């Protein structure tokens, strides 16, 4: 697994798991899905602040992982148009 400086990982049962998608464009899309909600929940703080702190704090890594899990769920939600009756 190749790693870039912007990649973040969390250890789950001793195994390093990437936080968020590996593709940079996909990761940016996922972050955009939750950035506003995160910043509304944490006034005076940015999503980028959380990403920066996650490199040094396991609590922030866990919080970032939770937000990116939500982002993945939002990204995978398929909005289907209603069929005309």
N, C-alpha and C. Protein backbone atom coordinates (compact mmCIF):
# COMPACT_ATOMS: atom_id res chain seq x y z
N UNK A 1 0.85 -1.17 0.00
CA UNK A 1 0.00 0.00 0.00
C UNK A 1 0.90 1.23 0.00
N UNK A 2 0.91 1.94 -1.09
CA UNK A 2 1.71 3.17 -1.18
C UNK A 2 1.05 4.26 -0.36
N UNK A 3 1.86 5.08 0.26
CA UNK A 3 1.33 6.13 1.13
C UNK A 3 1.85 7.49 0.68
N UNK A 4 0.97 8.49 0.75
CA UNK A 4 1.34 9.86 0.44
C UNK A 4 1.28 10.65 1.74
N UNK A 5 1.88 11.82 1.74
CA UNK A 5 1.92 12.66 2.94
C UNK A 5 0.52 13.02 3.42
N UNK A 6 -0.45 13.16 2.49
CA UNK A 6 -1.80 13.57 2.90
C UNK A 6 -2.67 12.39 3.35
N UNK A 7 -2.16 11.16 3.23
CA UNK A 7 -2.91 9.99 3.66
C UNK A 7 -2.93 9.91 5.18
N UNK A 8 -4.07 9.51 5.72
CA UNK A 8 -4.20 9.28 7.15
C UNK A 8 -4.67 7.85 7.37
N UNK A 9 -4.16 7.21 8.42
CA UNK A 9 -4.52 5.84 8.73
C UNK A 9 -4.94 5.75 10.18
N UNK A 10 -5.77 4.75 10.48
CA UNK A 10 -6.14 4.46 11.85
C UNK A 10 -5.87 2.98 12.07
N UNK A 11 -5.36 2.62 13.25
CA UNK A 11 -5.05 1.23 13.54
C UNK A 11 -6.30 0.54 14.11
N UNK A 12 -6.72 -0.49 13.42
CA UNK A 12 -7.87 -1.28 13.86
C UNK A 12 -7.34 -2.68 14.12
N UNK A 13 -7.34 -3.09 15.38
CA UNK A 13 -6.83 -4.40 15.76
C UNK A 13 -5.41 -4.62 15.24
N UNK A 14 -4.60 -3.58 15.28
CA UNK A 14 -3.21 -3.69 14.86
C UNK A 14 -2.99 -3.58 13.36
N UNK A 15 -4.06 -3.38 12.59
CA UNK A 15 -3.94 -3.27 11.14
C UNK A 15 -4.22 -1.83 10.75
N UNK A 16 -3.33 -1.24 9.96
CA UNK A 16 -3.51 0.15 9.52
C UNK A 16 -4.55 0.19 8.42
N UNK A 17 -5.58 1.01 8.62
CA UNK A 17 -6.66 1.17 7.65
C UNK A 17 -6.69 2.64 7.24
N UNK A 18 -6.73 2.88 5.93
CA UNK A 18 -6.75 4.25 5.41
C UNK A 18 -8.06 4.92 5.83
N UNK A 19 -7.97 6.18 6.23
CA UNK A 19 -9.15 6.98 6.54
C UNK A 19 -9.56 7.69 5.26
N UNK A 20 -10.68 7.31 4.70
CA UNK A 20 -11.17 7.93 3.47
C UNK A 20 -10.61 7.25 2.24
N UNK A 21 -11.13 7.64 1.08
CA UNK A 21 -10.70 7.04 -0.18
C UNK A 21 -9.24 7.34 -0.52
N UNK A 22 -8.61 6.44 -1.27
CA UNK A 22 -7.23 6.63 -1.69
C UNK A 22 -7.13 7.66 -2.82
N UNK A 23 -8.13 7.69 -3.69
CA UNK A 23 -8.13 8.63 -4.81
C UNK A 23 -8.33 10.05 -4.29
N UNK A 24 -7.44 10.96 -4.67
CA UNK A 24 -7.50 12.33 -4.14
C UNK A 24 -8.78 13.06 -4.52
N UNK A 25 -9.26 12.87 -5.76
CA UNK A 25 -10.51 13.54 -6.16
C UNK A 25 -11.70 12.99 -5.39
N UNK A 26 -11.71 11.67 -5.21
CA UNK A 26 -12.81 11.05 -4.45
C UNK A 26 -12.76 11.49 -2.99
N UNK A 27 -11.57 11.59 -2.43
CA UNK A 27 -11.43 12.04 -1.05
C UNK A 27 -11.94 13.47 -0.90
N UNK A 28 -11.58 14.33 -1.85
CA UNK A 28 -12.05 15.72 -1.81
C UNK A 28 -13.57 15.77 -1.89
N UNK A 29 -14.16 14.91 -2.74
CA UNK A 29 -15.62 14.85 -2.85
C UNK A 29 -16.24 14.41 -1.53
N UNK A 30 -15.67 13.40 -0.89
CA UNK A 30 -16.19 12.93 0.39
C UNK A 30 -16.08 14.03 1.45
N UNK A 31 -14.93 14.68 1.50
CA UNK A 31 -14.74 15.74 2.50
C UNK A 31 -15.75 16.87 2.28
N UNK A 32 -16.04 17.19 1.04
CA UNK A 32 -17.00 18.25 0.74
C UNK A 32 -18.40 17.89 1.25
N UNK A 33 -18.71 16.60 1.31
CA UNK A 33 -20.02 16.16 1.78
C UNK A 33 -20.23 16.37 3.27
N UNK A 34 -19.14 16.47 4.04
CA UNK A 34 -19.29 16.60 5.50
C UNK A 34 -18.64 17.86 6.07
N UNK A 35 -17.83 18.54 5.29
CA UNK A 35 -17.08 19.71 5.78
C UNK A 35 -17.99 20.73 6.44
N UNK A 36 -19.05 21.13 5.78
CA UNK A 36 -19.96 22.15 6.32
C UNK A 36 -20.62 21.71 7.61
N UNK A 37 -21.06 20.45 7.66
CA UNK A 37 -21.69 19.93 8.88
C UNK A 37 -20.70 19.90 10.04
N UNK A 38 -19.47 19.45 9.76
CA UNK A 38 -18.46 19.42 10.81
C UNK A 38 -18.22 20.83 11.36
N UNK A 39 -18.06 21.79 10.46
CA UNK A 39 -17.74 23.16 10.88
C UNK A 39 -18.90 23.81 11.61
N UNK A 40 -20.15 23.43 11.29
CA UNK A 40 -21.30 23.92 12.06
C UNK A 40 -21.34 23.31 13.46
N UNK A 41 -20.92 22.05 13.56
CA UNK A 41 -20.91 21.37 14.87
C UNK A 41 -19.74 21.82 15.75
N UNK A 42 -18.70 22.37 15.14
CA UNK A 42 -17.49 22.78 15.86
C UNK A 42 -17.15 24.22 15.48
N UNK A 43 -17.92 25.19 16.00
CA UNK A 43 -17.68 26.60 15.65
C UNK A 43 -16.25 27.02 15.94
N UNK A 44 -15.70 27.83 15.04
CA UNK A 44 -14.34 28.34 15.22
C UNK A 44 -13.27 27.35 14.81
N UNK A 45 -13.68 26.23 14.24
CA UNK A 45 -12.74 25.19 13.85
C UNK A 45 -13.06 24.77 12.42
N UNK A 46 -12.05 24.37 11.68
CA UNK A 46 -12.29 23.92 10.32
C UNK A 46 -12.03 22.42 10.21
N UNK A 47 -12.56 21.84 9.14
CA UNK A 47 -12.33 20.42 8.88
C UNK A 47 -10.84 20.18 8.67
N UNK A 48 -10.16 21.14 8.06
CA UNK A 48 -8.71 21.01 7.88
C UNK A 48 -7.97 21.00 9.22
N UNK A 49 -8.48 21.74 10.21
CA UNK A 49 -7.90 21.68 11.56
C UNK A 49 -7.97 20.26 12.10
N UNK A 50 -9.13 19.62 11.93
CA UNK A 50 -9.30 18.24 12.39
C UNK A 50 -8.33 17.32 11.68
N UNK A 51 -8.20 17.46 10.36
CA UNK A 51 -7.28 16.61 9.61
C UNK A 51 -5.84 16.80 10.09
N UNK A 52 -5.46 18.02 10.39
CA UNK A 52 -4.10 18.31 10.87
C UNK A 52 -3.87 17.66 12.24
N UNK A 53 -4.85 17.81 13.14
CA UNK A 53 -4.71 17.23 14.48
C UNK A 53 -4.74 15.71 14.47
N UNK A 54 -5.45 15.14 13.49
CA UNK A 54 -5.58 13.68 13.42
C UNK A 54 -4.23 13.00 13.22
N UNK A 55 -3.26 13.71 12.71
CA UNK A 55 -1.93 13.14 12.53
C UNK A 55 -1.24 12.86 13.87
N UNK A 56 -1.69 13.54 14.94
CA UNK A 56 -1.00 13.45 16.24
C UNK A 56 -1.89 12.94 17.37
N UNK A 57 -3.19 12.92 17.16
CA UNK A 57 -4.12 12.59 18.24
C UNK A 57 -5.01 11.42 17.85
N UNK A 58 -4.99 10.35 18.64
CA UNK A 58 -5.83 9.20 18.30
C UNK A 58 -7.31 9.54 18.45
N UNK A 59 -7.64 10.46 19.36
CA UNK A 59 -9.04 10.87 19.50
C UNK A 59 -9.51 11.58 18.24
N UNK A 60 -8.67 12.47 17.70
CA UNK A 60 -9.03 13.18 16.48
C UNK A 60 -9.03 12.24 15.27
N UNK A 61 -8.14 11.24 15.25
CA UNK A 61 -8.17 10.24 14.18
C UNK A 61 -9.51 9.50 14.20
N UNK A 62 -9.97 9.15 15.40
CA UNK A 62 -11.25 8.47 15.52
C UNK A 62 -12.40 9.35 15.07
N UNK A 63 -12.36 10.63 15.44
CA UNK A 63 -13.40 11.58 15.04
C UNK A 63 -13.39 11.76 13.52
N UNK A 64 -12.20 11.90 12.94
CA UNK A 64 -12.09 12.02 11.49
C UNK A 64 -12.62 10.76 10.80
N UNK A 65 -12.31 9.62 11.35
CA UNK A 65 -12.79 8.36 10.80
C UNK A 65 -14.32 8.32 10.82
N UNK A 66 -14.93 8.77 11.91
CA UNK A 66 -16.39 8.81 12.00
C UNK A 66 -16.98 9.73 10.93
N UNK A 67 -16.39 10.90 10.75
CA UNK A 67 -16.90 11.84 9.74
C UNK A 67 -16.71 11.30 8.33
N UNK A 68 -15.59 10.64 8.07
CA UNK A 68 -15.35 10.10 6.74
C UNK A 68 -16.25 8.88 6.47
N UNK A 69 -16.61 8.15 7.52
CA UNK A 69 -17.58 7.06 7.36
C UNK A 69 -18.93 7.63 6.96
N UNK A 70 -19.33 8.72 7.61
CA UNK A 70 -20.57 9.40 7.23
C UNK A 70 -20.49 9.88 5.79
N UNK A 71 -19.36 10.44 5.41
CA UNK A 71 -19.17 10.93 4.04
C UNK A 71 -19.32 9.78 3.04
N UNK A 72 -18.75 8.63 3.35
CA UNK A 72 -18.85 7.47 2.45
C UNK A 72 -20.30 7.03 2.32
N UNK A 73 -21.03 7.05 3.42
CA UNK A 73 -22.45 6.68 3.35
C UNK A 73 -23.23 7.67 2.49
N UNK A 74 -22.94 8.95 2.66
CA UNK A 74 -23.62 9.96 1.85
C UNK A 74 -23.25 9.80 0.38
N UNK A 75 -21.99 9.51 0.10
CA UNK A 75 -21.54 9.37 -1.29
C UNK A 75 -22.18 8.15 -1.96
N UNK A 76 -22.43 7.12 -1.18
CA UNK A 76 -22.98 5.90 -1.77
C UNK A 76 -24.50 5.92 -1.86
N UNK A 77 -25.12 6.88 -1.18
CA UNK A 77 -26.59 6.98 -1.25
C UNK A 77 -26.99 7.36 -2.67
N UNK A 78 -27.84 6.56 -3.23
CA UNK A 78 -28.29 6.79 -4.59
C UNK A 78 -29.67 7.44 -4.53
N UNK A 79 -29.77 8.60 -5.13
CA UNK A 79 -31.05 9.29 -5.18
C UNK A 79 -31.73 8.86 -6.47
N UNK A 80 -32.80 8.16 -6.33
CA UNK A 80 -33.52 7.68 -7.51
C UNK A 80 -34.74 8.56 -7.74
N UNK A 81 -34.93 8.99 -8.96
CA UNK A 81 -36.13 9.80 -9.25
C UNK A 81 -37.37 8.94 -9.09
N UNK A 82 -38.43 9.57 -8.64
CA UNK A 82 -39.70 8.84 -8.48
C UNK A 82 -40.31 8.56 -9.84
N UNK A 83 -40.87 7.41 -9.94
CA UNK A 83 -41.53 7.02 -11.18
C UNK A 83 -42.91 7.67 -11.22
N UNK A 84 -43.28 8.15 -12.36
CA UNK A 84 -44.61 8.74 -12.52
C UNK A 84 -45.66 7.65 -12.39
N UNK A 85 -46.68 7.93 -11.64
CA UNK A 85 -47.73 6.92 -11.40
C UNK A 85 -48.72 6.88 -12.53
